[in-house]
Amino acid sequence: LLADSGIDIVLNLTIPDVHAEISLRAIQA
């Protein structure tokens, strides 16, 4: 999903402990 060029916005619905990790990965992508 993070590598998919067709995704404009990542909706991060993970558990709180990994919110920052997933958000940073999305931004880096």
PDB file of all heavy atoms in Angstrom:
ATOM      1  N   LEU A   1       0.835  -1.204   0.000  1.00  0.00           N
ATOM      2  CA  LEU A   1       0.000   0.000   0.000  1.00  0.00           C
ATOM      3  C   LEU A   1       0.869   1.254   0.000  1.00  0.00           C
ATOM      4  O   LEU A   1       0.607   2.206  -0.749  1.00  0.00           O
ATOM      5  CB  LEU A   1      -0.951  -0.012   1.193  1.00  0.00           C
ATOM      6  CG  LEU A   1      -2.031   1.077   1.203  1.00  0.00           C
ATOM      7  CD1 LEU A   1      -3.302   0.569   1.876  1.00  0.00           C
ATOM      8  CD2 LEU A   1      -1.555   2.340   1.916  1.00  0.00           C
ATOM      9  N   LEU A   2       1.911   1.256   0.812  1.00  0.00           N
ATOM     10  CA  LEU A   2       2.779   2.436   0.885  1.00  0.00           C
ATOM     11  C   LEU A   2       3.526   2.671  -0.422  1.00  0.00           C
ATOM     12  O   LEU A   2       3.840   3.815  -0.766  1.00  0.00           O
ATOM     13  CB  LEU A   2       3.772   2.289   2.036  1.00  0.00           C
ATOM     14  CG  LEU A   2       3.167   2.352   3.448  1.00  0.00           C
ATOM     15  CD1 LEU A   2       4.222   2.024   4.493  1.00  0.00           C
ATOM     16  CD2 LEU A   2       2.551   3.712   3.717  1.00  0.00           C
ATOM     17  N   ALA A   3       3.771   1.611  -1.169  1.00  0.00           N
ATOM     18  CA  ALA A   3       4.498   1.737  -2.432  1.00  0.00           C
ATOM     19  C   ALA A   3       3.571   2.052  -3.605  1.00  0.00           C
ATOM     20  O   ALA A   3       4.058   2.339  -4.710  1.00  0.00           O
ATOM     21  CB  ALA A   3       5.262   0.447  -2.726  1.00  0.00           C
ATOM     22  N   ASP A   4       2.284   2.044  -3.387  1.00  0.00           N
ATOM     23  CA  ASP A   4       1.308   2.213  -4.471  1.00  0.00           C
ATOM     24  C   ASP A   4       1.201   3.696  -4.855  1.00  0.00           C
ATOM     25  O   ASP A   4       0.752   4.525  -4.055  1.00  0.00           O
ATOM     26  CB  ASP A   4      -0.054   1.680  -4.025  1.00  0.00           C
ATOM     27  CG  ASP A   4      -1.061   1.586  -5.151  1.00  0.00           C
ATOM     28  OD1 ASP A   4      -0.996   2.427  -6.084  1.00  0.00           O
ATOM     29  OD2 ASP A   4      -1.910   0.691  -5.113  1.00  0.00           O
ATOM     30  N   SER A   5       1.576   4.026  -6.078  1.00  0.00           N
ATOM     31  CA  SER A   5       1.553   5.420  -6.529  1.00  0.00           C
ATOM     32  C   SER A   5       0.139   5.955  -6.692  1.00  0.00           C
ATOM     33  O   SER A   5      -0.058   7.166  -6.804  1.00  0.00           O
ATOM     34  CB  SER A   5       2.311   5.550  -7.856  1.00  0.00           C
ATOM     35  OG  SER A   5       1.696   4.754  -8.857  1.00  0.00           O
ATOM     36  N   GLY A   6      -0.843   5.085  -6.701  1.00  0.00           N
ATOM     37  CA  GLY A   6      -2.228   5.531  -6.853  1.00  0.00           C
ATOM     38  C   GLY A   6      -2.883   5.971  -5.556  1.00  0.00           C
ATOM     39  O   GLY A   6      -4.009   6.469  -5.572  1.00  0.00           O
ATOM     40  N   ILE A   7      -2.205   5.799  -4.434  1.00  0.00           N
ATOM     41  CA  ILE A   7      -2.740   6.202  -3.131  1.00  0.00           C
ATOM     42  C   ILE A   7      -2.263   7.615  -2.821  1.00  0.00           C
ATOM     43  O   ILE A   7      -1.056   7.885  -2.781  1.00  0.00           O
ATOM     44  CB  ILE A   7      -2.297   5.234  -2.022  1.00  0.00           C
ATOM     45  CG1 ILE A   7      -2.798   3.821  -2.293  1.00  0.00           C
ATOM     46  CG2 ILE A   7      -2.769   5.733  -0.654  1.00  0.00           C
ATOM     47  CD1 ILE A   7      -4.304   3.687  -2.347  1.00  0.00           C
ATOM     48  N   ASP A   8      -3.205   8.530  -2.597  1.00  0.00           N
ATOM     49  CA  ASP A   8      -2.873   9.922  -2.310  1.00  0.00           C
ATOM     50  C   ASP A   8      -2.715  10.196  -0.812  1.00  0.00           C
ATOM     51  O   ASP A   8      -1.824  10.928  -0.398  1.00  0.00           O
ATOM     52  CB  ASP A   8      -3.966  10.843  -2.872  1.00  0.00           C
ATOM     53  CG  ASP A   8      -4.157  10.667  -4.362  1.00  0.00           C
ATOM     54  OD1 ASP A   8      -3.172  10.820  -5.100  1.00  0.00           O
ATOM     55  OD2 ASP A   8      -5.292  10.370  -4.781  1.00  0.00           O
ATOM     56  N   ILE A   9      -3.628   9.635  -0.014  1.00  0.00           N
ATOM     57  CA  ILE A   9      -3.631   9.855   1.434  1.00  0.00           C
ATOM     58  C   ILE A   9      -3.699   8.513   2.134  1.00  0.00           C
ATOM     59  O   ILE A   9      -4.542   7.669   1.795  1.00  0.00           O
ATOM     60  CB  ILE A   9      -4.830  10.719   1.887  1.00  0.00           C
ATOM     61  CG1 ILE A   9      -4.818  12.088   1.208  1.00  0.00           C
ATOM     62  CG2 ILE A   9      -4.832  10.890   3.406  1.00  0.00           C
ATOM     63  CD1 ILE A   9      -6.061  12.931   1.514  1.00  0.00           C
ATOM     64  N   VAL A  10      -2.830   8.310   3.107  1.00  0.00           N
ATOM     65  CA  VAL A  10      -2.907   7.120   3.956  1.00  0.00           C
ATOM     66  C   VAL A  10      -3.774   7.450   5.167  1.00  0.00           C
ATOM     67  O   VAL A  10      -3.512   8.428   5.885  1.00  0.00           O
ATOM     68  CB  VAL A  10      -1.508   6.657   4.408  1.00  0.00           C
ATOM     69  CG1 VAL A  10      -1.615   5.637   5.533  1.00  0.00           C
ATOM     70  CG2 VAL A  10      -0.754   6.069   3.235  1.00  0.00           C
ATOM     71  N   LEU A  11      -4.809   6.663   5.371  1.00  0.00           N
ATOM     72  CA  LEU A  11      -5.660   6.767   6.551  1.00  0.00           C
ATOM     73  C   LEU A  11      -5.133   5.755   7.569  1.00  0.00           C
ATOM     74  O   LEU A  11      -5.264   4.543   7.394  1.00  0.00           O
ATOM     75  CB  LEU A  11      -7.116   6.478   6.182  1.00  0.00           C
ATOM     76  CG  LEU A  11      -8.142   6.410   7.320  1.00  0.00           C
ATOM     77  CD1 LEU A  11      -8.138   7.693   8.145  1.00  0.00           C
ATOM     78  CD2 LEU A  11      -9.531   6.120   6.769  1.00  0.00           C
ATOM     79  N   ASN A  12      -4.513   6.266   8.617  1.00  0.00           N
ATOM     80  CA  ASN A  12      -3.784   5.458   9.590  1.00  0.00           C
ATOM     81  C   ASN A  12      -4.702   5.095  10.754  1.00  0.00           C
ATOM     82  O   ASN A  12      -4.950   5.904  11.644  1.00  0.00           O
ATOM     83  CB  ASN A  12      -2.565   6.250  10.083  1.00  0.00           C
ATOM     84  CG  ASN A  12      -1.734   5.497  11.102  1.00  0.00           C
ATOM     85  OD1 ASN A  12      -2.025   4.364  11.466  1.00  0.00           O
ATOM     86  ND2 ASN A  12      -0.682   6.139  11.581  1.00  0.00           N
ATOM     87  N   LEU A  13      -5.206   3.859  10.740  1.00  0.00           N
ATOM     88  CA  LEU A  13      -6.145   3.394  11.768  1.00  0.00           C
ATOM     89  C   LEU A  13      -5.527   2.299  12.631  1.00  0.00           C
ATOM     90  O   LEU A  13      -6.233   1.444  13.157  1.00  0.00           O
ATOM     91  CB  LEU A  13      -7.435   2.877  11.112  1.00  0.00           C
ATOM     92  CG  LEU A  13      -8.174   3.856  10.202  1.00  0.00           C
ATOM     93  CD1 LEU A  13      -9.457   3.233   9.672  1.00  0.00           C
ATOM     94  CD2 LEU A  13      -8.487   5.161  10.926  1.00  0.00           C
ATOM     95  N   THR A  14      -4.224   2.330  12.778  1.00  0.00           N
ATOM     96  CA  THR A  14      -3.530   1.353  13.606  1.00  0.00           C
ATOM     97  C   THR A  14      -3.723   1.681  15.084  1.00  0.00           C
ATOM     98  O   THR A  14      -4.327   2.698  15.443  1.00  0.00           O
ATOM     99  CB  THR A  14      -2.032   1.349  13.256  1.00  0.00           C
ATOM    100  OG1 THR A  14      -1.500   2.674  13.431  1.00  0.00           O
ATOM    101  CG2 THR A  14      -1.821   0.914  11.812  1.00  0.00           C
ATOM    102  N   ILE A  15      -3.186   0.840  15.965  1.00  0.00           N
ATOM    103  CA  ILE A  15      -3.285   1.111  17.402  1.00  0.00           C
ATOM    104  C   ILE A  15      -2.372   2.279  17.765  1.00  0.00           C
ATOM    105  O   ILE A  15      -1.402   2.561  17.054  1.00  0.00           O
ATOM    106  CB  ILE A  15      -2.937  -0.141  18.243  1.00  0.00           C
ATOM    107  CG1 ILE A  15      -1.495  -0.589  17.991  1.00  0.00           C
ATOM    108  CG2 ILE A  15      -3.920  -1.268  17.964  1.00  0.00           C
ATOM    109  CD1 ILE A  15      -1.028  -1.698  18.922  1.00  0.00           C
ATOM    110  N   PRO A  16      -2.658   3.012  18.850  1.00  0.00           N
ATOM    111  CA  PRO A  16      -1.899   4.222  19.170  1.00  0.00           C
ATOM    112  C   PRO A  16      -0.393   4.031  19.209  1.00  0.00           C
ATOM    113  O   PRO A  16       0.356   4.921  18.787  1.00  0.00           O
ATOM    114  CB  PRO A  16      -2.454   4.619  20.540  1.00  0.00           C
ATOM    115  CG  PRO A  16      -3.847   4.096  20.550  1.00  0.00           C
ATOM    116  CD  PRO A  16      -3.794   2.801  19.785  1.00  0.00           C
ATOM    117  N   ASP A  17       0.065   2.892  19.687  1.00  0.00           N
ATOM    118  CA  ASP A  17       1.498   2.691  19.867  1.00  0.00           C
ATOM    119  C   ASP A  17       2.288   2.749  18.568  1.00  0.00           C
ATOM    120  O   ASP A  17       3.496   3.005  18.586  1.00  0.00           O
ATOM    121  CB  ASP A  17       1.741   1.343  20.560  1.00  0.00           C
ATOM    122  CG  ASP A  17       3.153   1.225  21.108  1.00  0.00           C
ATOM    123  OD1 ASP A  17       3.633   2.199  21.714  1.00  0.00           O
ATOM    124  OD2 ASP A  17       3.767   0.162  20.928  1.00  0.00           O
ATOM    125  N   VAL A  18       1.626   2.516  17.429  1.00  0.00           N
ATOM    126  CA  VAL A  18       2.339   2.563  16.146  1.00  0.00           C
ATOM    127  C   VAL A  18       1.831   3.684  15.236  1.00  0.00           C
ATOM    128  O   VAL A  18       2.182   3.736  14.059  1.00  0.00           O
ATOM    129  CB  VAL A  18       2.287   1.202  15.406  1.00  0.00           C
ATOM    130  CG1 VAL A  18       3.033   0.150  16.196  1.00  0.00           C
ATOM    131  CG2 VAL A  18       0.862   0.770  15.125  1.00  0.00           C
ATOM    132  N   HIS A  19       1.012   4.592  15.756  1.00  0.00           N
ATOM    133  CA  HIS A  19       0.542   5.709  14.934  1.00  0.00           C
ATOM    134  C   HIS A  19       1.702   6.471  14.308  1.00  0.00           C
ATOM    135  O   HIS A  19       1.719   6.731  13.105  1.00  0.00           O
ATOM    136  CB  HIS A  19      -0.305   6.671  15.776  1.00  0.00           C
ATOM    137  CG  HIS A  19      -1.705   6.214  15.970  1.00  0.00           C
ATOM    138  ND1 HIS A  19      -2.631   6.929  16.703  1.00  0.00           N
ATOM    139  CD2 HIS A  19      -2.370   5.119  15.528  1.00  0.00           C
ATOM    140  CE1 HIS A  19      -3.779   6.298  16.713  1.00  0.00           C
ATOM    141  NE2 HIS A  19      -3.645   5.184  16.009  1.00  0.00           N
ATOM    142  N   ALA A  20       2.678   6.859  15.122  1.00  0.00           N
ATOM    143  CA  ALA A  20       3.784   7.673  14.608  1.00  0.00           C
ATOM    144  C   ALA A  20       4.607   6.888  13.597  1.00  0.00           C
ATOM    145  O   ALA A  20       4.999   7.421  12.548  1.00  0.00           O
ATOM    146  CB  ALA A  20       4.666   8.148  15.757  1.00  0.00           C
ATOM    147  N   GLU A  21       4.867   5.627  13.878  1.00  0.00           N
ATOM    148  CA  GLU A  21       5.673   4.803  12.964  1.00  0.00           C
ATOM    149  C   GLU A  21       5.024   4.716  11.585  1.00  0.00           C
ATOM    150  O   GLU A  21       5.685   4.924  10.553  1.00  0.00           O
ATOM    151  CB  GLU A  21       5.839   3.398  13.551  1.00  0.00           C
ATOM    152  CG  GLU A  21       6.555   2.428  12.626  1.00  0.00           C
ATOM    153  CD  GLU A  21       6.491   0.992  13.120  1.00  0.00           C
ATOM    154  OE1 GLU A  21       6.238   0.771  14.326  1.00  0.00           O
ATOM    155  OE2 GLU A  21       6.692   0.077  12.289  1.00  0.00           O
ATOM    156  N   ILE A  22       3.731   4.414  11.538  1.00  0.00           N
ATOM    157  CA  ILE A  22       3.040   4.270  10.254  1.00  0.00           C
ATOM    158  C   ILE A  22       2.921   5.621   9.557  1.00  0.00           C
ATOM    159  O   ILE A  22       3.097   5.725   8.330  1.00  0.00           O
ATOM    160  CB  ILE A  22       1.666   3.620  10.454  1.00  0.00           C
ATOM    161  CG1 ILE A  22       1.825   2.173  10.952  1.00  0.00           C
ATOM    162  CG2 ILE A  22       0.848   3.660   9.173  1.00  0.00           C
ATOM    163  CD1 ILE A  22       2.561   1.259   9.989  1.00  0.00           C
ATOM    164  N   SER A  23       2.634   6.676  10.301  1.00  0.00           N
ATOM    165  CA  SER A  23       2.529   8.002   9.694  1.00  0.00           C
ATOM    166  C   SER A  23       3.861   8.421   9.078  1.00  0.00           C
ATOM    167  O   SER A  23       3.902   8.962   7.966  1.00  0.00           O
ATOM    168  CB  SER A  23       2.071   9.031  10.728  1.00  0.00           C
ATOM    169  OG  SER A  23       0.736   8.782  11.128  1.00  0.00           O
ATOM    170  N   LEU A  24       4.957   8.179   9.781  1.00  0.00           N
ATOM    171  CA  LEU A  24       6.272   8.532   9.250  1.00  0.00           C
ATOM    172  C   LEU A  24       6.598   7.716   7.998  1.00  0.00           C
ATOM    173  O   LEU A  24       7.147   8.247   7.025  1.00  0.00           O
ATOM    174  CB  LEU A  24       7.344   8.321  10.316  1.00  0.00           C
ATOM    175  CG  LEU A  24       7.408   9.389  11.409  1.00  0.00           C
ATOM    176  CD1 LEU A  24       8.306   8.929  12.556  1.00  0.00           C
ATOM    177  CD2 LEU A  24       7.902  10.723  10.852  1.00  0.00           C
ATOM    178  N   ARG A  25       6.232   6.457   8.008  1.00  0.00           N
ATOM    179  CA  ARG A  25       6.471   5.628   6.813  1.00  0.00           C
ATOM    180  C   ARG A  25       5.650   6.143   5.630  1.00  0.00           C
ATOM    181  O   ARG A  25       6.137   6.155   4.486  1.00  0.00           O
ATOM    182  CB  ARG A  25       6.138   4.165   7.100  1.00  0.00           C
ATOM    183  CG  ARG A  25       7.134   3.466   8.015  1.00  0.00           C
ATOM    184  CD  ARG A  25       6.771   2.007   8.200  1.00  0.00           C
ATOM    185  NE  ARG A  25       6.835   1.280   6.931  1.00  0.00           N
ATOM    186  CZ  ARG A  25       6.385   0.032   6.771  1.00  0.00           C
ATOM    187  NH1 ARG A  25       5.850  -0.619   7.799  1.00  0.00           N
ATOM    188  NH2 ARG A  25       6.477  -0.558   5.595  1.00  0.00           N
ATOM    189  N   ALA A  26       4.419   6.558   5.888  1.00  0.00           N
ATOM    190  CA  ALA A  26       3.584   7.095   4.812  1.00  0.00           C
ATOM    191  C   ALA A  26       4.178   8.384   4.251  1.00  0.00           C
ATOM    192  O   ALA A  26       4.224   8.590   3.031  1.00  0.00           O
ATOM    193  CB  ALA A  26       2.164   7.334   5.323  1.00  0.00           C
ATOM    194  N   ILE A  27       4.638   9.243   5.142  1.00  0.00           N
ATOM    195  CA  ILE A  27       5.256  10.511   4.715  1.00  0.00           C
ATOM    196  C   ILE A  27       6.523  10.234   3.913  1.00  0.00           C
ATOM    197  O   ILE A  27       6.764  10.855   2.866  1.00  0.00           O
ATOM    198  CB  ILE A  27       5.531  11.393   5.948  1.00  0.00           C
ATOM    199  CG1 ILE A  27       4.205  11.870   6.560  1.00  0.00           C
ATOM    200  CG2 ILE A  27       6.416  12.581   5.582  1.00  0.00           C
ATOM    201  CD1 ILE A  27       4.336  12.406   7.971  1.00  0.00           C
ATOM    202  N   GLN A  28       7.328   9.309   4.389  1.00  0.00           N
ATOM    203  CA  GLN A  28       8.548   8.955   3.662  1.00  0.00           C
ATOM    204  C   GLN A  28       8.244   8.383   2.283  1.00  0.00           C
ATOM    205  O   GLN A  28       9.050   8.500   1.359  1.00  0.00           O
ATOM    206  CB  GLN A  28       9.372   7.976   4.496  1.00  0.00           C
ATOM    207  CG  GLN A  28      10.000   8.605   5.735  1.00  0.00           C
ATOM    208  CD  GLN A  28      10.403   7.601   6.799  1.00  0.00           C
ATOM    209  OE1 GLN A  28      10.246   6.385   6.604  1.00  0.00           O
ATOM    210  NE2 GLN A  28      10.900   8.096   7.922  1.00  0.00           N
ATOM    211  N   ALA A  29       7.058   7.793   2.138  1.00  0.00           N
ATOM    212  CA  ALA A  29       6.632   7.263   0.845  1.00  0.00           C
ATOM    213  C   ALA A  29       6.004   8.346  -0.030  1.00  0.00           C
ATOM    214  O   ALA A  29       5.529   8.052  -1.134  1.00  0.00           O
ATOM    215  CB  ALA A  29       5.643   6.121   1.055  1.00  0.00           C
TER     216      ALA A  29
END
